[in-house]
Amino acid sequence: MKIGYLHDHTVGSHAVLIHPSDPRKRLVIPLHRTVKVETLSKLVKDAGLSVDQFIDLL
């Protein structure tokens, strides 16, 4: 993945990503067709990205 997170495992409809430099640093990504704006905004913030950085990764 481009920002350093690696897929650790999947539980149900959620993927758990960890950062190799700090395994306690993780993101839980919903694997749903749609994601609420609030959820996406929190994930972007938790990943340490700005909105512009996130858009550049798309």
Protein backbone atom coordinates (compact mmCIF):
# COMPACT_ATOMS: atom_id res chain seq x y z
CA MET A 1 0.00 0.00 0.00
CA LYS A 2 1.28 3.48 -0.84
CA ILE A 3 1.24 4.98 2.68
CA GLY A 4 2.95 2.06 4.37
CA TYR A 5 0.02 0.13 5.86
CA LEU A 6 -0.13 -3.61 5.21
CA HIS A 7 -3.12 -5.93 5.27
CA ASP A 8 -3.02 -7.93 8.52
CA HIS A 9 -6.32 -9.79 8.43
CA THR A 10 -10.01 -9.53 7.59
CA VAL A 11 -12.85 -9.96 10.05
CA GLY A 12 -16.26 -10.21 8.44
CA SER A 13 -16.60 -7.20 6.18
CA HIS A 14 -13.70 -5.22 7.67
CA ALA A 15 -10.02 -5.30 6.69
CA VAL A 16 -7.45 -4.61 9.40
CA LEU A 17 -4.33 -2.80 8.22
CA ILE A 18 -1.22 -2.32 10.36
CA HIS A 19 1.81 -0.09 9.99
CA PRO A 20 5.07 -2.10 10.02
CA SER A 21 6.95 0.55 12.00
CA ASP A 22 4.36 0.40 14.79
CA PRO A 23 2.00 -2.62 14.81
CA ARG A 24 -0.20 -0.83 17.38
CA LYS A 25 -0.95 1.74 14.67
CA ARG A 26 -3.81 0.19 12.71
CA LEU A 27 -6.76 1.05 10.54
CA VAL A 28 -10.00 -0.89 10.29
CA ILE A 29 -11.42 -0.40 6.81
CA PRO A 30 -15.06 -1.30 6.07
CA LEU A 31 -15.38 -3.33 2.88
CA HIS A 32 -18.85 -2.04 2.08
CA ARG A 33 -20.19 -0.66 -1.20
CA THR A 34 -20.77 2.70 0.44
CA VAL A 35 -19.01 4.31 3.40
CA LYS A 36 -20.40 7.25 5.37
CA VAL A 37 -18.57 10.55 4.91
CA GLU A 38 -17.89 10.70 8.65
CA THR A 39 -16.29 7.24 8.60
CA LEU A 40 -14.13 8.06 5.60
CA SER A 41 -13.07 11.36 7.16
CA LYS A 42 -12.02 9.61 10.38
CA LEU A 43 -10.04 6.99 8.45
CA VAL A 44 -8.20 9.68 6.48
CA LYS A 45 -7.38 11.51 9.73
CA ASP A 46 -6.32 8.30 11.52
CA ALA A 47 -4.01 7.48 8.61
CA GLY A 48 -2.32 10.86 9.09
CA LEU A 49 -3.36 12.18 5.69
CA SER A 50 -4.85 15.43 4.52
CA VAL A 51 -7.84 15.31 2.21
CA ASP A 52 -5.61 16.41 -0.71
CA GLN A 53 -3.09 13.63 0.04
CA PHE A 54 -5.93 11.09 0.16
CA ILE A 55 -7.34 12.30 -3.17
CA ASP A 56 -3.87 12.05 -4.75
CA LEU A 57 -3.73 8.38 -3.69
CA LEU A 58 -7.00 7.55 -5.50
